[in-house]
Amino acid sequence: MSQDPIIEQLRRRVTPDLYRDIRRLWKTHVTAEDARDIPTILTTLTEDCLFEVVQTGERWQGHEGAARFHTELFAAFPDIRFRLANIVIGPQGVYQEINVHATFLADWGSYRAHGRPVTFTILVLYPWDAQQRIFSGERVYVVSDASLGQ
């Protein structure tokens, strides 16, 4: 196998069973997010998972960090609604485009709350850990953050 991690990812074979497993785990993860069920979210992640908001460079490491990420997200946007716009599932993980609607009531990382409704789009990558057969975190790209006041 190549030393280049991208080449290794591209060489991953997709099988019906692998696709089913990744899709099933993603559904468990997002259903738990909708239910604000952090313990179940953590079952979908490696112990050393990494959460990152790319624009701000903020990072949360491990299960403790993933729990903190979600606690802060749900506090900032207590009425958050996720509307899936696009999704790609493959042997490298899941990539999705989500339209977010919420009221911005508490700071979220470097984004400062203003108490008004917000609508923004995020792209989220859930990298698949092929050895552990679970997600290794989330890379969040905030595409349109004007309503966040940035």
N, C-alpha and C. Protein backbone atom coordinates (compact mmCIF):
# COMPACT_ATOMS: atom_id res chain seq x y z
N MET A 1 0.84 -1.18 0.00
CA MET A 1 0.00 0.00 0.00
C MET A 1 0.88 1.24 0.00
N SER A 2 0.43 2.26 -0.64
CA SER A 2 1.19 3.50 -0.75
C SER A 2 1.29 4.21 0.59
N GLN A 3 2.32 5.05 0.72
CA GLN A 3 2.48 5.88 1.91
C GLN A 3 1.51 7.06 1.87
N ASP A 4 0.99 7.41 0.71
CA ASP A 4 0.11 8.56 0.54
C ASP A 4 -1.30 8.19 1.00
N PRO A 5 -1.82 8.86 2.06
CA PRO A 5 -3.15 8.48 2.56
C PRO A 5 -4.27 8.69 1.54
N ILE A 6 -4.13 9.67 0.65
CA ILE A 6 -5.17 9.88 -0.36
C ILE A 6 -5.21 8.71 -1.34
N ILE A 7 -4.03 8.25 -1.76
CA ILE A 7 -3.97 7.09 -2.67
C ILE A 7 -4.59 5.88 -1.98
N GLU A 8 -4.29 5.71 -0.69
CA GLU A 8 -4.89 4.60 0.06
C GLU A 8 -6.41 4.71 0.08
N GLN A 9 -6.92 5.92 0.29
CA GLN A 9 -8.37 6.10 0.30
C GLN A 9 -8.97 5.78 -1.06
N LEU A 10 -8.31 6.23 -2.13
CA LEU A 10 -8.83 5.98 -3.48
C LEU A 10 -8.83 4.50 -3.84
N ARG A 11 -7.95 3.75 -3.23
CA ARG A 11 -7.86 2.31 -3.52
C ARG A 11 -8.87 1.48 -2.72
N ARG A 12 -9.57 2.10 -1.80
CA ARG A 12 -10.55 1.33 -1.02
C ARG A 12 -11.64 0.81 -1.94
N ARG A 13 -11.94 -0.46 -1.80
CA ARG A 13 -13.00 -1.08 -2.59
C ARG A 13 -14.33 -0.83 -1.92
N VAL A 14 -15.31 -0.49 -2.70
CA VAL A 14 -16.65 -0.37 -2.15
C VAL A 14 -17.39 -1.66 -2.46
N THR A 15 -17.99 -2.21 -1.44
CA THR A 15 -18.82 -3.40 -1.58
C THR A 15 -20.21 -3.06 -1.08
N PRO A 16 -21.20 -3.82 -1.47
CA PRO A 16 -22.54 -3.55 -0.94
C PRO A 16 -22.58 -3.57 0.59
N ASP A 17 -21.84 -4.50 1.20
CA ASP A 17 -21.84 -4.58 2.67
C ASP A 17 -21.18 -3.35 3.29
N LEU A 18 -20.07 -2.90 2.72
CA LEU A 18 -19.40 -1.72 3.25
C LEU A 18 -20.28 -0.48 3.10
N TYR A 19 -20.88 -0.32 1.93
CA TYR A 19 -21.78 0.81 1.71
C TYR A 19 -22.92 0.78 2.73
N ARG A 20 -23.51 -0.38 2.92
CA ARG A 20 -24.62 -0.53 3.88
C ARG A 20 -24.17 -0.16 5.29
N ASP A 21 -22.98 -0.63 5.70
CA ASP A 21 -22.47 -0.35 7.04
C ASP A 21 -22.23 1.14 7.25
N ILE A 22 -21.61 1.79 6.26
CA ILE A 22 -21.34 3.23 6.39
C ILE A 22 -22.64 4.01 6.43
N ARG A 23 -23.57 3.67 5.54
CA ARG A 23 -24.86 4.36 5.51
C ARG A 23 -25.62 4.16 6.82
N ARG A 24 -25.63 2.95 7.33
CA ARG A 24 -26.33 2.65 8.58
C ARG A 24 -25.73 3.45 9.75
N LEU A 25 -24.40 3.50 9.82
CA LEU A 25 -23.75 4.25 10.90
C LEU A 25 -24.03 5.75 10.78
N TRP A 26 -24.00 6.26 9.54
CA TRP A 26 -24.32 7.68 9.33
C TRP A 26 -25.75 7.96 9.79
N LYS A 27 -26.69 7.09 9.46
CA LYS A 27 -28.08 7.28 9.89
C LYS A 27 -28.19 7.27 11.41
N THR A 28 -27.47 6.39 12.07
CA THR A 28 -27.45 6.37 13.53
C THR A 28 -26.93 7.70 14.07
N HIS A 29 -25.85 8.19 13.47
CA HIS A 29 -25.22 9.44 13.92
C HIS A 29 -26.17 10.63 13.77
N VAL A 30 -26.74 10.80 12.58
CA VAL A 30 -27.57 11.99 12.36
C VAL A 30 -28.91 11.90 13.09
N THR A 31 -29.43 10.68 13.25
CA THR A 31 -30.65 10.52 14.05
C THR A 31 -30.38 10.90 15.50
N ALA A 32 -29.22 10.50 16.01
CA ALA A 32 -28.84 10.87 17.38
C ALA A 32 -28.64 12.38 17.49
N GLU A 33 -28.06 13.02 16.46
CA GLU A 33 -27.92 14.48 16.50
C GLU A 33 -29.30 15.15 16.57
N ASP A 34 -30.22 14.69 15.74
CA ASP A 34 -31.58 15.26 15.76
C ASP A 34 -32.23 15.09 17.12
N ALA A 35 -31.92 14.00 17.82
CA ALA A 35 -32.49 13.73 19.14
C ALA A 35 -31.67 14.33 20.28
N ARG A 36 -30.54 14.98 19.94
CA ARG A 36 -29.62 15.56 20.94
C ARG A 36 -29.08 14.47 21.87
N ASP A 37 -28.87 13.29 21.32
CA ASP A 37 -28.44 12.11 22.08
C ASP A 37 -26.93 11.94 21.94
N ILE A 38 -26.18 12.65 22.77
CA ILE A 38 -24.72 12.65 22.67
C ILE A 38 -24.12 11.26 22.94
N PRO A 39 -24.58 10.49 23.92
CA PRO A 39 -24.00 9.15 24.10
C PRO A 39 -24.09 8.28 22.84
N THR A 40 -25.19 8.33 22.12
CA THR A 40 -25.31 7.55 20.89
C THR A 40 -24.40 8.11 19.81
N ILE A 41 -24.30 9.43 19.71
CA ILE A 41 -23.37 10.03 18.74
C ILE A 41 -21.97 9.47 18.96
N LEU A 42 -21.55 9.41 20.22
CA LEU A 42 -20.19 8.94 20.53
C LEU A 42 -19.97 7.49 20.11
N THR A 43 -21.02 6.67 20.06
CA THR A 43 -20.85 5.27 19.64
C THR A 43 -20.50 5.17 18.16
N THR A 44 -20.69 6.23 17.41
CA THR A 44 -20.41 6.22 15.97
C THR A 44 -19.00 6.72 15.65
N LEU A 45 -18.22 7.04 16.69
CA LEU A 45 -16.93 7.71 16.51
C LEU A 45 -15.78 6.95 17.16
N THR A 46 -14.61 7.05 16.53
CA THR A 46 -13.41 6.48 17.13
C THR A 46 -13.09 7.23 18.42
N GLU A 47 -12.38 6.57 19.33
CA GLU A 47 -11.99 7.20 20.60
C GLU A 47 -11.17 8.47 20.37
N ASP A 48 -10.35 8.47 19.32
CA ASP A 48 -9.47 9.62 19.05
C ASP A 48 -10.04 10.55 17.98
N CYS A 49 -11.36 10.56 17.82
CA CYS A 49 -11.99 11.35 16.76
C CYS A 49 -11.59 12.82 16.84
N LEU A 50 -11.73 13.49 15.70
CA LEU A 50 -11.41 14.91 15.60
C LEU A 50 -12.57 15.63 14.95
N PHE A 51 -13.04 16.67 15.62
CA PHE A 51 -14.06 17.57 15.07
C PHE A 51 -13.37 18.89 14.77
N GLU A 52 -13.68 19.46 13.61
CA GLU A 52 -13.01 20.69 13.20
C GLU A 52 -13.99 21.56 12.43
N VAL A 53 -14.02 22.86 12.77
CA VAL A 53 -14.70 23.86 11.95
C VAL A 53 -13.59 24.53 11.14
N VAL A 54 -13.54 24.22 9.87
CA VAL A 54 -12.40 24.58 9.03
C VAL A 54 -12.16 26.08 8.98
N GLN A 55 -13.22 26.88 8.80
CA GLN A 55 -13.04 28.33 8.67
C GLN A 55 -12.36 28.96 9.88
N THR A 56 -12.69 28.47 11.06
CA THR A 56 -12.17 29.09 12.28
C THR A 56 -10.93 28.40 12.81
N GLY A 57 -10.69 27.18 12.33
CA GLY A 57 -9.55 26.41 12.82
C GLY A 57 -9.79 25.77 14.18
N GLU A 58 -11.00 25.89 14.70
CA GLU A 58 -11.30 25.32 16.02
C GLU A 58 -11.41 23.81 15.90
N ARG A 59 -10.88 23.12 16.93
CA ARG A 59 -10.83 21.66 16.91
C ARG A 59 -11.21 21.11 18.28
N TRP A 60 -11.88 19.96 18.25
CA TRP A 60 -12.26 19.22 19.44
C TRP A 60 -11.77 17.80 19.25
N GLN A 61 -11.03 17.27 20.21
CA GLN A 61 -10.37 15.96 20.06
C GLN A 61 -10.99 14.92 20.99
N GLY A 62 -11.12 13.69 20.49
CA GLY A 62 -11.58 12.57 21.29
C GLY A 62 -13.06 12.63 21.63
N HIS A 63 -13.51 11.61 22.35
CA HIS A 63 -14.93 11.57 22.73
C HIS A 63 -15.30 12.76 23.61
N GLU A 64 -14.40 13.17 24.50
CA GLU A 64 -14.68 14.35 25.33
C GLU A 64 -14.87 15.58 24.45
N GLY A 65 -14.01 15.74 23.47
CA GLY A 65 -14.13 16.87 22.55
C GLY A 65 -15.39 16.80 21.71
N ALA A 66 -15.75 15.61 21.22
CA ALA A 66 -16.96 15.45 20.42
C ALA A 66 -18.20 15.78 21.25
N ALA A 67 -18.21 15.35 22.51
CA ALA A 67 -19.33 15.68 23.40
C ALA A 67 -19.40 17.19 23.62
N ARG A 68 -18.25 17.82 23.83
CA ARG A 68 -18.22 19.28 24.03
C ARG A 68 -18.68 20.01 22.76
N PHE A 69 -18.23 19.57 21.59
CA PHE A 69 -18.65 20.16 20.32
C PHE A 69 -20.18 20.15 20.23
N HIS A 70 -20.79 19.00 20.47
CA HIS A 70 -22.24 18.89 20.34
C HIS A 70 -22.97 19.66 21.44
N THR A 71 -22.46 19.62 22.66
CA THR A 71 -23.08 20.39 23.75
C THR A 71 -23.09 21.88 23.41
N GLU A 72 -21.97 22.39 22.91
CA GLU A 72 -21.87 23.80 22.53
C GLU A 72 -22.77 24.13 21.34
N LEU A 73 -22.82 23.23 20.35
CA LEU A 73 -23.68 23.44 19.19
C LEU A 73 -25.15 23.50 19.60
N PHE A 74 -25.59 22.54 20.42
CA PHE A 74 -26.99 22.49 20.83
C PHE A 74 -27.36 23.65 21.76
N ALA A 75 -26.40 24.16 22.53
CA ALA A 75 -26.66 25.33 23.38
C ALA A 75 -26.76 26.59 22.53
N ALA A 76 -25.91 26.69 21.53
CA ALA A 76 -25.91 27.88 20.66
C ALA A 76 -27.18 27.94 19.82
N PHE A 77 -27.65 26.79 19.37
CA PHE A 77 -28.81 26.71 18.48
C PHE A 77 -29.80 25.69 19.04
N PRO A 78 -30.50 26.02 20.13
CA PRO A 78 -31.34 25.02 20.80
C PRO A 78 -32.48 24.49 19.92
N ASP A 79 -32.89 25.25 18.93
CA ASP A 79 -33.98 24.80 18.04
C ASP A 79 -33.45 24.40 16.66
N ILE A 80 -32.19 24.02 16.59
CA ILE A 80 -31.55 23.73 15.30
C ILE A 80 -32.30 22.66 14.52
N ARG A 81 -32.47 22.93 13.23
CA ARG A 81 -33.07 21.99 12.30
C ARG A 81 -32.11 21.80 11.14
N PHE A 82 -31.79 20.56 10.85
CA PHE A 82 -30.90 20.21 9.76
C PHE A 82 -31.75 19.74 8.58
N ARG A 83 -31.50 20.31 7.40
CA ARG A 83 -32.20 19.89 6.18
C ARG A 83 -31.15 19.39 5.19
N LEU A 84 -31.12 18.10 4.99
CA LEU A 84 -30.15 17.49 4.09
C LEU A 84 -30.44 17.93 2.66
N ALA A 85 -29.42 18.46 1.98
CA ALA A 85 -29.57 18.91 0.59
C ALA A 85 -28.88 17.95 -0.39
N ASN A 86 -27.72 17.41 0.00
CA ASN A 86 -26.97 16.48 -0.84
C ASN A 86 -26.16 15.55 0.05
N ILE A 87 -25.88 14.37 -0.49
CA ILE A 87 -25.08 13.41 0.27
C ILE A 87 -24.33 12.50 -0.70
N VAL A 88 -23.11 12.14 -0.31
CA VAL A 88 -22.31 11.16 -1.04
C VAL A 88 -21.79 10.17 0.00
N ILE A 89 -21.99 8.89 -0.27
CA ILE A 89 -21.51 7.84 0.63
C ILE A 89 -20.57 6.95 -0.18
N GLY A 90 -19.40 6.73 0.37
CA GLY A 90 -18.43 5.87 -0.30
C GLY A 90 -17.50 5.24 0.71
N PRO A 91 -16.52 4.49 0.25
CA PRO A 91 -15.63 3.79 1.17
C PRO A 91 -14.73 4.72 1.97
N GLN A 92 -14.69 6.00 1.60
CA GLN A 92 -13.90 6.97 2.35
C GLN A 92 -14.71 7.63 3.46
N GLY A 93 -16.04 7.47 3.43
CA GLY A 93 -16.90 8.07 4.44
C GLY A 93 -18.13 8.69 3.82
N VAL A 94 -18.64 9.72 4.47
CA VAL A 94 -19.85 10.41 4.03
C VAL A 94 -19.54 11.89 3.90
N TYR A 95 -20.08 12.49 2.84
CA TYR A 95 -19.96 13.93 2.64
C TYR A 95 -21.36 14.44 2.39
N GLN A 96 -21.76 15.46 3.14
CA GLN A 96 -23.13 15.95 3.00
C GLN A 96 -23.18 17.47 3.00
N GLU A 97 -24.19 17.98 2.34
CA GLU A 97 -24.51 19.41 2.33
C GLU A 97 -25.80 19.57 3.12
N ILE A 98 -25.78 20.47 4.10
CA ILE A 98 -26.92 20.63 5.01
C ILE A 98 -27.30 22.09 5.10
N ASN A 99 -28.59 22.36 4.97
CA ASN A 99 -29.11 23.70 5.24
C ASN A 99 -29.56 23.72 6.69
N VAL A 100 -29.08 24.70 7.43
CA VAL A 100 -29.34 24.79 8.86
C VAL A 100 -30.27 25.98 9.11
N HIS A 101 -31.27 25.75 9.95
CA HIS A 101 -32.21 26.80 10.38
C HIS A 101 -32.25 26.74 11.90
N ALA A 102 -32.07 27.89 12.56
CA ALA A 102 -32.04 27.90 14.03
C ALA A 102 -32.12 29.33 14.54
N THR A 103 -32.22 29.44 15.85
CA THR A 103 -32.09 30.73 16.52
C THR A 103 -30.75 30.71 17.24
N PHE A 104 -29.96 31.77 17.03
CA PHE A 104 -28.58 31.81 17.53
C PHE A 104 -28.56 32.45 18.91
N LEU A 105 -28.64 31.63 19.97
CA LEU A 105 -28.82 32.13 21.33
C LEU A 105 -27.58 32.14 22.21
N ALA A 106 -26.55 31.39 21.84
CA ALA A 106 -25.31 31.37 22.63
C ALA A 106 -24.13 31.29 21.66
N ASP A 107 -22.98 31.77 22.10
CA ASP A 107 -21.79 31.73 21.24
C ASP A 107 -21.50 30.29 20.84
N TRP A 108 -21.02 30.13 19.62
CA TRP A 108 -20.57 28.82 19.12
C TRP A 108 -19.15 29.02 18.60
N GLY A 109 -18.19 28.58 19.39
CA GLY A 109 -16.79 28.82 19.03
C GLY A 109 -16.54 30.31 18.89
N SER A 110 -15.97 30.71 17.77
CA SER A 110 -15.68 32.13 17.55
C SER A 110 -16.88 32.88 16.96
N TYR A 111 -17.96 32.19 16.66
CA TYR A 111 -19.17 32.85 16.18
C TYR A 111 -19.94 33.38 17.39
N ARG A 112 -20.27 34.68 17.37
CA ARG A 112 -20.92 35.35 18.50
C ARG A 112 -22.43 35.41 18.32
N ALA A 113 -23.14 34.98 19.34
CA ALA A 113 -24.61 34.93 19.30
C ALA A 113 -25.20 36.33 19.22
N HIS A 114 -26.35 36.40 18.54
CA HIS A 114 -27.07 37.67 18.43
C HIS A 114 -28.56 37.52 18.70
N GLY A 115 -29.01 36.31 19.00
CA GLY A 115 -30.39 36.09 19.40
C GLY A 115 -31.41 36.07 18.29
N ARG A 116 -30.98 36.16 17.05
CA ARG A 116 -31.90 36.18 15.91
C ARG A 116 -31.90 34.83 15.17
N PRO A 117 -32.93 34.61 14.37
CA PRO A 117 -32.94 33.41 13.53
C PRO A 117 -31.79 33.45 12.52
N VAL A 118 -31.27 32.28 12.22
CA VAL A 118 -30.20 32.17 11.23
C VAL A 118 -30.52 31.04 10.25
N THR A 119 -30.03 31.20 9.06
CA THR A 119 -30.07 30.17 8.04
C THR A 119 -28.70 30.16 7.39
N PHE A 120 -28.06 28.99 7.39
CA PHE A 120 -26.76 28.89 6.76
C PHE A 120 -26.56 27.48 6.25
N THR A 121 -25.55 27.30 5.44
CA THR A 121 -25.26 26.00 4.84
C THR A 121 -23.92 25.51 5.37
N ILE A 122 -23.87 24.22 5.67
CA ILE A 122 -22.61 23.60 6.06
C ILE A 122 -22.37 22.37 5.17
N LEU A 123 -21.11 22.10 4.94
CA LEU A 123 -20.68 20.86 4.32
C LEU A 123 -19.97 20.07 5.41
N VAL A 124 -20.28 18.80 5.54
CA VAL A 124 -19.69 17.99 6.61
C VAL A 124 -19.11 16.72 6.00
N LEU A 125 -17.85 16.47 6.33
CA LEU A 125 -17.19 15.24 5.96
C LEU A 125 -17.08 14.37 7.20
N TYR A 126 -17.56 13.14 7.08
CA TYR A 126 -17.40 12.12 8.13
C TYR A 126 -16.38 11.12 7.61
N PRO A 127 -15.11 11.26 7.93
CA PRO A 127 -14.10 10.31 7.43
C PRO A 127 -14.32 8.93 8.04
N TRP A 128 -14.19 7.91 7.21
CA TRP A 128 -14.38 6.52 7.63
C TRP A 128 -13.04 5.93 8.03
N ASP A 129 -12.97 5.37 9.21
CA ASP A 129 -11.78 4.65 9.65
C ASP A 129 -11.96 3.20 9.23
N ALA A 130 -11.22 2.80 8.19
CA ALA A 130 -11.42 1.48 7.60
C ALA A 130 -11.05 0.35 8.55
N GLN A 131 -10.09 0.57 9.46
CA GLN A 131 -9.71 -0.49 10.39
C GLN A 131 -10.76 -0.67 11.48
N GLN A 132 -11.23 0.46 12.06
CA GLN A 132 -12.20 0.37 13.16
C GLN A 132 -13.64 0.30 12.67
N ARG A 133 -13.84 0.62 11.38
CA ARG A 133 -15.17 0.59 10.75
C ARG A 133 -16.15 1.51 11.48
N ILE A 134 -15.70 2.74 11.63
CA ILE A 134 -16.45 3.76 12.36
C ILE A 134 -15.93 5.12 11.89
N PHE A 135 -16.64 6.18 12.17
CA PHE A 135 -16.19 7.51 11.74
C PHE A 135 -15.09 8.03 12.66
N SER A 136 -14.16 8.77 12.05
CA SER A 136 -13.06 9.34 12.84
C SER A 136 -13.27 10.82 13.14
N GLY A 137 -14.51 11.30 13.01
CA GLY A 137 -14.83 12.67 13.37
C GLY A 137 -15.67 13.36 12.32
N GLU A 138 -15.59 14.70 12.35
CA GLU A 138 -16.29 15.54 11.38
C GLU A 138 -15.42 16.73 11.02
N ARG A 139 -15.38 17.03 9.73
CA ARG A 139 -14.79 18.29 9.25
C ARG A 139 -15.96 19.11 8.75
N VAL A 140 -16.22 20.24 9.40
CA VAL A 140 -17.37 21.09 9.10
C VAL A 140 -16.89 22.33 8.36
N TYR A 141 -17.48 22.58 7.22
CA TYR A 141 -17.21 23.76 6.42
C TYR A 141 -18.47 24.63 6.45
N VAL A 142 -18.38 25.81 7.04
CA VAL A 142 -19.51 26.73 7.06
C VAL A 142 -19.46 27.51 5.74
N VAL A 143 -20.40 27.23 4.85
CA VAL A 143 -20.36 27.78 3.49
C VAL A 143 -20.90 29.21 3.46
N SER A 144 -22.01 29.42 4.11
CA SER A 144 -22.62 30.75 4.11
C SER A 144 -22.86 31.16 5.55
N ASP A 145 -22.02 32.06 6.06
CA ASP A 145 -22.14 32.41 7.48
C ASP A 145 -22.59 33.85 7.72
N ALA A 146 -23.13 34.51 6.71
CA ALA A 146 -23.56 35.91 6.84
C ALA A 146 -24.58 36.06 7.97
N SER A 147 -25.53 35.13 8.08
CA SER A 147 -26.56 35.28 9.11
C SER A 147 -26.00 34.99 10.50
N LEU A 148 -24.80 34.40 10.56
CA LEU A 148 -24.14 34.17 11.85
C LEU A 148 -23.48 35.45 12.35
N GLY A 149 -23.46 36.48 11.52
CA GLY A 149 -22.89 37.75 11.94
C GLY A 149 -21.41 37.84 11.69
N GLN A 150 -20.87 36.97 10.85
CA GLN A 150 -19.42 36.99 10.57
C GLN A 150 -19.12 37.71 9.28
